[in-house]
Amino acid sequence: MVSSLIAAKAYATAQSAAKSGGLGGGMPLTQDGPGFGALVQNAINDTINSSRNAERQIKAQVQGKADLVDVVTAISSAETSLETIMSVRDQAISAYQEIMRMPI
């Protein structure tokens, strides 16, 4: 869920920059928030934290200290975060390949 919010903020920033002419055309891009690299790093950190939380919940369940619903919720959150990161990675690779196919 947090990764979705980060992605939504990144999209909104890129969209507003495109509307204002900040992308291309020689106009400088004003930066109101963190850059793309920082957004990706935050998303990766969120994914790692979600995975660690899921592992802690599994361990607590095995020890009889956690409810099964909490374990399933934590695993689902970790899975969603990982899928989001993988999707961003796939889109970045696709964009890179498209750029490499452009004639010079």
N, C-alpha and C. Protein backbone atom coordinates (compact mmCIF):
# COMPACT_ATOMS: atom_id res chain seq x y z
N MET A 1 0.82 -1.18 0.00
CA MET A 1 0.00 0.00 0.00
C MET A 1 0.87 1.25 0.00
N VAL A 2 1.91 1.25 0.80
CA VAL A 2 2.81 2.40 0.84
C VAL A 2 3.49 2.57 -0.50
N SER A 3 3.87 1.46 -1.13
CA SER A 3 4.50 1.52 -2.43
C SER A 3 3.56 2.11 -3.47
N SER A 4 2.28 1.80 -3.35
CA SER A 4 1.30 2.37 -4.27
C SER A 4 1.22 3.87 -4.11
N LEU A 5 1.29 4.35 -2.88
CA LEU A 5 1.25 5.78 -2.65
C LEU A 5 2.50 6.47 -3.20
N ILE A 6 3.63 5.83 -3.04
CA ILE A 6 4.88 6.39 -3.57
C ILE A 6 4.80 6.46 -5.09
N ALA A 7 4.31 5.38 -5.71
CA ALA A 7 4.18 5.36 -7.16
C ALA A 7 3.19 6.41 -7.63
N ALA A 8 2.10 6.59 -6.90
CA ALA A 8 1.10 7.59 -7.27
C ALA A 8 1.69 9.00 -7.18
N LYS A 9 2.48 9.27 -6.14
CA LYS A 9 3.11 10.58 -6.01
C LYS A 9 4.10 10.83 -7.14
N ALA A 10 4.87 9.80 -7.49
CA ALA A 10 5.84 9.93 -8.58
C ALA A 10 5.12 10.21 -9.90
N TYR A 11 4.01 9.51 -10.12
CA TYR A 11 3.24 9.72 -11.35
C TYR A 11 2.67 11.14 -11.38
N ALA A 12 2.13 11.59 -10.26
CA ALA A 12 1.55 12.93 -10.21
C ALA A 12 2.61 14.00 -10.46
N THR A 13 3.79 13.81 -9.90
CA THR A 13 4.88 14.75 -10.11
C THR A 13 5.30 14.79 -11.57
N ALA A 14 5.43 13.61 -12.19
CA ALA A 14 5.81 13.54 -13.60
C ALA A 14 4.73 14.15 -14.48
N GLN A 15 3.47 13.91 -14.13
CA GLN A 15 2.37 14.44 -14.92
C GLN A 15 2.32 15.97 -14.84
N SER A 16 2.49 16.51 -13.65
CA SER A 16 2.47 17.98 -13.52
C SER A 16 3.67 18.60 -14.22
N ALA A 17 4.81 17.94 -14.18
CA ALA A 17 5.99 18.46 -14.87
C ALA A 17 5.78 18.44 -16.38
N ALA A 18 5.13 17.40 -16.88
CA ALA A 18 4.88 17.30 -18.31
C ALA A 18 3.88 18.38 -18.75
N LYS A 19 2.87 18.63 -17.94
CA LYS A 19 1.87 19.65 -18.28
C LYS A 19 2.47 21.05 -18.26
N SER A 20 3.39 21.29 -17.36
CA SER A 20 3.98 22.61 -17.25
C SER A 20 5.13 22.81 -18.22
N GLY A 21 5.45 21.78 -18.99
CA GLY A 21 6.53 21.89 -19.95
C GLY A 21 7.88 21.64 -19.34
N GLY A 22 7.93 21.06 -18.16
CA GLY A 22 9.18 20.81 -17.48
C GLY A 22 9.98 19.68 -18.06
N LEU A 23 9.36 18.85 -18.87
CA LEU A 23 10.07 17.75 -19.50
C LEU A 23 10.36 18.12 -20.94
N GLY A 24 11.62 18.27 -21.27
CA GLY A 24 11.99 18.62 -22.63
C GLY A 24 11.83 20.12 -22.86
N GLY A 25 12.10 20.53 -24.07
CA GLY A 25 11.91 21.93 -24.43
C GLY A 25 12.92 22.88 -23.79
N GLY A 26 13.92 22.38 -23.13
CA GLY A 26 14.95 23.21 -22.55
C GLY A 26 14.56 23.89 -21.25
N MET A 27 13.36 23.66 -20.78
CA MET A 27 12.94 24.28 -19.53
C MET A 27 13.41 23.43 -18.36
N PRO A 28 13.88 24.04 -17.30
CA PRO A 28 14.35 23.25 -16.16
C PRO A 28 13.18 22.58 -15.43
N LEU A 29 13.44 21.42 -14.89
CA LEU A 29 12.44 20.68 -14.13
C LEU A 29 12.54 21.09 -12.68
N THR A 30 11.46 21.66 -12.16
CA THR A 30 11.46 22.01 -10.75
C THR A 30 11.13 20.78 -9.95
N GLN A 31 11.79 20.65 -8.83
CA GLN A 31 11.63 19.45 -8.04
C GLN A 31 11.01 19.82 -6.69
N ASP A 32 9.76 19.39 -6.50
CA ASP A 32 9.06 19.69 -5.26
C ASP A 32 9.30 18.65 -4.19
N GLY A 33 9.73 17.47 -4.58
CA GLY A 33 9.90 16.38 -3.63
C GLY A 33 11.15 15.59 -3.97
N PRO A 34 11.22 14.37 -3.45
CA PRO A 34 12.39 13.54 -3.73
C PRO A 34 12.45 13.15 -5.20
N GLY A 35 13.64 12.89 -5.67
CA GLY A 35 13.83 12.49 -7.06
C GLY A 35 13.41 11.04 -7.28
N PHE A 36 13.48 10.63 -8.53
CA PHE A 36 13.06 9.28 -8.89
C PHE A 36 13.88 8.22 -8.16
N GLY A 37 15.19 8.45 -8.08
CA GLY A 37 16.05 7.49 -7.39
C GLY A 37 15.68 7.33 -5.92
N ALA A 38 15.35 8.45 -5.28
CA ALA A 38 14.94 8.39 -3.88
C ALA A 38 13.61 7.67 -3.72
N LEU A 39 12.70 7.89 -4.67
CA LEU A 39 11.41 7.19 -4.63
C LEU A 39 11.58 5.69 -4.78
N VAL A 40 12.45 5.30 -5.69
CA VAL A 40 12.71 3.87 -5.90
C VAL A 40 13.37 3.28 -4.66
N GLN A 41 14.33 4.00 -4.10
CA GLN A 41 15.02 3.51 -2.90
C GLN A 41 14.04 3.35 -1.74
N ASN A 42 13.13 4.32 -1.58
CA ASN A 42 12.12 4.22 -0.52
C ASN A 42 11.21 3.03 -0.74
N ALA A 43 10.82 2.80 -2.00
CA ALA A 43 9.96 1.65 -2.31
C ALA A 43 10.68 0.34 -2.02
N ILE A 44 11.96 0.27 -2.34
CA ILE A 44 12.75 -0.93 -2.05
C ILE A 44 12.85 -1.15 -0.55
N ASN A 45 13.11 -0.08 0.19
CA ASN A 45 13.18 -0.19 1.65
C ASN A 45 11.85 -0.63 2.24
N ASP A 46 10.75 -0.11 1.72
CA ASP A 46 9.42 -0.53 2.18
C ASP A 46 9.19 -2.01 1.90
N THR A 47 9.64 -2.46 0.74
CA THR A 47 9.50 -3.88 0.39
C THR A 47 10.30 -4.76 1.33
N ILE A 48 11.51 -4.34 1.63
CA ILE A 48 12.36 -5.10 2.56
C ILE A 48 11.72 -5.15 3.94
N ASN A 49 11.21 -4.01 4.39
CA ASN A 49 10.57 -3.97 5.71
C ASN A 49 9.31 -4.84 5.74
N SER A 50 8.54 -4.84 4.67
CA SER A 50 7.35 -5.69 4.60
C SER A 50 7.73 -7.17 4.67
N SER A 51 8.80 -7.53 3.96
CA SER A 51 9.26 -8.92 3.98
C SER A 51 9.73 -9.33 5.37
N ARG A 52 10.47 -8.44 6.01
CA ARG A 52 10.95 -8.74 7.36
C ARG A 52 9.79 -8.86 8.34
N ASN A 53 8.79 -8.00 8.19
CA ASN A 53 7.61 -8.07 9.04
C ASN A 53 6.88 -9.40 8.84
N ALA A 54 6.76 -9.83 7.59
CA ALA A 54 6.12 -11.12 7.30
C ALA A 54 6.90 -12.27 7.94
N GLU A 55 8.23 -12.19 7.86
CA GLU A 55 9.05 -13.23 8.48
C GLU A 55 8.87 -13.25 10.00
N ARG A 56 8.79 -12.05 10.61
CA ARG A 56 8.57 -12.00 12.06
C ARG A 56 7.20 -12.58 12.43
N GLN A 57 6.19 -12.27 11.62
CA GLN A 57 4.86 -12.80 11.88
C GLN A 57 4.82 -14.32 11.75
N ILE A 58 5.52 -14.85 10.75
CA ILE A 58 5.58 -16.30 10.58
C ILE A 58 6.26 -16.94 11.79
N LYS A 59 7.37 -16.35 12.22
CA LYS A 59 8.09 -16.87 13.38
C LYS A 59 7.20 -16.84 14.63
N ALA A 60 6.47 -15.74 14.81
CA ALA A 60 5.59 -15.63 15.97
C ALA A 60 4.45 -16.65 15.89
N GLN A 61 3.96 -16.91 14.69
CA GLN A 61 2.89 -17.90 14.51
C GLN A 61 3.39 -19.30 14.87
N VAL A 62 4.60 -19.61 14.45
CA VAL A 62 5.18 -20.92 14.76
C VAL A 62 5.33 -21.08 16.27
N GLN A 63 5.66 -19.99 16.94
CA GLN A 63 5.82 -20.03 18.39
C GLN A 63 4.48 -19.93 19.12
N GLY A 64 3.41 -19.75 18.37
CA GLY A 64 2.08 -19.65 18.97
C GLY A 64 1.76 -18.29 19.55
N LYS A 65 2.49 -17.26 19.12
CA LYS A 65 2.31 -15.92 19.67
C LYS A 65 1.55 -14.97 18.73
N ALA A 66 1.20 -15.43 17.54
CA ALA A 66 0.53 -14.55 16.58
C ALA A 66 -0.69 -15.24 16.01
N ASP A 67 -1.62 -14.42 15.57
CA ASP A 67 -2.83 -14.93 14.95
C ASP A 67 -2.56 -15.20 13.46
N LEU A 68 -3.22 -16.20 12.94
CA LEU A 68 -3.01 -16.59 11.54
C LEU A 68 -3.43 -15.47 10.59
N VAL A 69 -4.44 -14.72 10.94
CA VAL A 69 -4.88 -13.61 10.10
C VAL A 69 -3.78 -12.56 9.95
N ASP A 70 -3.07 -12.28 11.04
CA ASP A 70 -1.97 -11.32 10.98
C ASP A 70 -0.85 -11.82 10.07
N VAL A 71 -0.59 -13.12 10.11
CA VAL A 71 0.45 -13.70 9.26
C VAL A 71 0.05 -13.57 7.80
N VAL A 72 -1.17 -13.93 7.47
CA VAL A 72 -1.63 -13.87 6.09
C VAL A 72 -1.62 -12.42 5.59
N THR A 73 -2.03 -11.49 6.42
CA THR A 73 -2.02 -10.07 6.05
C THR A 73 -0.60 -9.58 5.78
N ALA A 74 0.33 -9.96 6.64
CA ALA A 74 1.72 -9.54 6.46
C ALA A 74 2.32 -10.14 5.19
N ILE A 75 2.03 -11.40 4.93
CA ILE A 75 2.54 -12.05 3.72
C ILE A 75 1.95 -11.39 2.48
N SER A 76 0.66 -11.09 2.52
CA SER A 76 0.00 -10.43 1.39
C SER A 76 0.60 -9.05 1.13
N SER A 77 0.87 -8.31 2.19
CA SER A 77 1.49 -6.99 2.04
C SER A 77 2.89 -7.10 1.44
N ALA A 78 3.65 -8.06 1.89
CA ALA A 78 5.00 -8.26 1.36
C ALA A 78 4.95 -8.66 -0.11
N GLU A 79 4.01 -9.52 -0.45
CA GLU A 79 3.87 -9.95 -1.84
C GLU A 79 3.48 -8.79 -2.75
N THR A 80 2.56 -7.95 -2.30
CA THR A 80 2.14 -6.80 -3.08
C THR A 80 3.30 -5.82 -3.28
N SER A 81 4.07 -5.58 -2.24
CA SER A 81 5.23 -4.69 -2.35
C SER A 81 6.25 -5.24 -3.34
N LEU A 82 6.50 -6.54 -3.26
CA LEU A 82 7.46 -7.15 -4.18
C LEU A 82 6.98 -7.08 -5.62
N GLU A 83 5.70 -7.33 -5.84
CA GLU A 83 5.16 -7.25 -7.20
C GLU A 83 5.24 -5.82 -7.75
N THR A 84 5.04 -4.84 -6.89
CA THR A 84 5.15 -3.45 -7.32
C THR A 84 6.57 -3.12 -7.75
N ILE A 85 7.53 -3.53 -6.95
CA ILE A 85 8.94 -3.28 -7.29
C ILE A 85 9.32 -3.99 -8.58
N MET A 86 8.87 -5.22 -8.74
CA MET A 86 9.18 -5.96 -9.96
C MET A 86 8.54 -5.29 -11.18
N SER A 87 7.36 -4.74 -11.02
CA SER A 87 6.70 -4.03 -12.11
C SER A 87 7.46 -2.77 -12.50
N VAL A 88 7.92 -2.03 -11.50
CA VAL A 88 8.73 -0.83 -11.77
C VAL A 88 10.02 -1.22 -12.48
N ARG A 89 10.65 -2.30 -12.03
CA ARG A 89 11.87 -2.78 -12.68
C ARG A 89 11.61 -3.14 -14.14
N ASP A 90 10.52 -3.86 -14.39
CA ASP A 90 10.19 -4.27 -15.75
C ASP A 90 9.93 -3.06 -16.64
N GLN A 91 9.24 -2.05 -16.11
CA GLN A 91 8.97 -0.84 -16.89
C GLN A 91 10.25 -0.07 -17.17
N ALA A 92 11.15 -0.02 -16.21
CA ALA A 92 12.43 0.68 -16.42
C ALA A 92 13.25 -0.03 -17.49
N ILE A 93 13.28 -1.34 -17.46
CA ILE A 93 14.01 -2.10 -18.48
C ILE A 93 13.38 -1.89 -19.84
N SER A 94 12.06 -1.92 -19.90
CA SER A 94 11.35 -1.70 -21.16
C SER A 94 11.65 -0.32 -21.72
N ALA A 95 11.65 0.70 -20.87
CA ALA A 95 11.94 2.06 -21.31
C ALA A 95 13.38 2.16 -21.82
N TYR A 96 14.31 1.53 -21.11
CA TYR A 96 15.71 1.53 -21.54
C TYR A 96 15.86 0.87 -22.91
N GLN A 97 15.20 -0.27 -23.10
CA GLN A 97 15.29 -0.96 -24.38
C GLN A 97 14.67 -0.13 -25.50
N GLU A 98 13.59 0.57 -25.21
CA GLU A 98 12.97 1.44 -26.20
C GLU A 98 13.90 2.59 -26.59
N ILE A 99 14.57 3.16 -25.60
CA ILE A 99 15.53 4.24 -25.88
C ILE A 99 16.68 3.73 -26.73
N MET A 100 17.14 2.51 -26.43
CA MET A 100 18.27 1.95 -27.20
C MET A 100 17.87 1.66 -28.64
N ARG A 101 16.60 1.47 -28.92
CA ARG A 101 16.14 1.20 -30.30
C ARG A 101 15.97 2.48 -31.09
N MET A 102 16.00 3.62 -30.44
CA MET A 102 15.80 4.89 -31.15
C MET A 102 17.00 5.19 -32.05
N PRO A 103 16.69 5.67 -33.24
CA PRO A 103 17.82 6.05 -34.11
C PRO A 103 18.50 7.32 -33.61
N ILE A 104 19.78 7.40 -33.85
CA ILE A 104 20.54 8.55 -33.37
C ILE A 104 20.48 9.67 -34.36
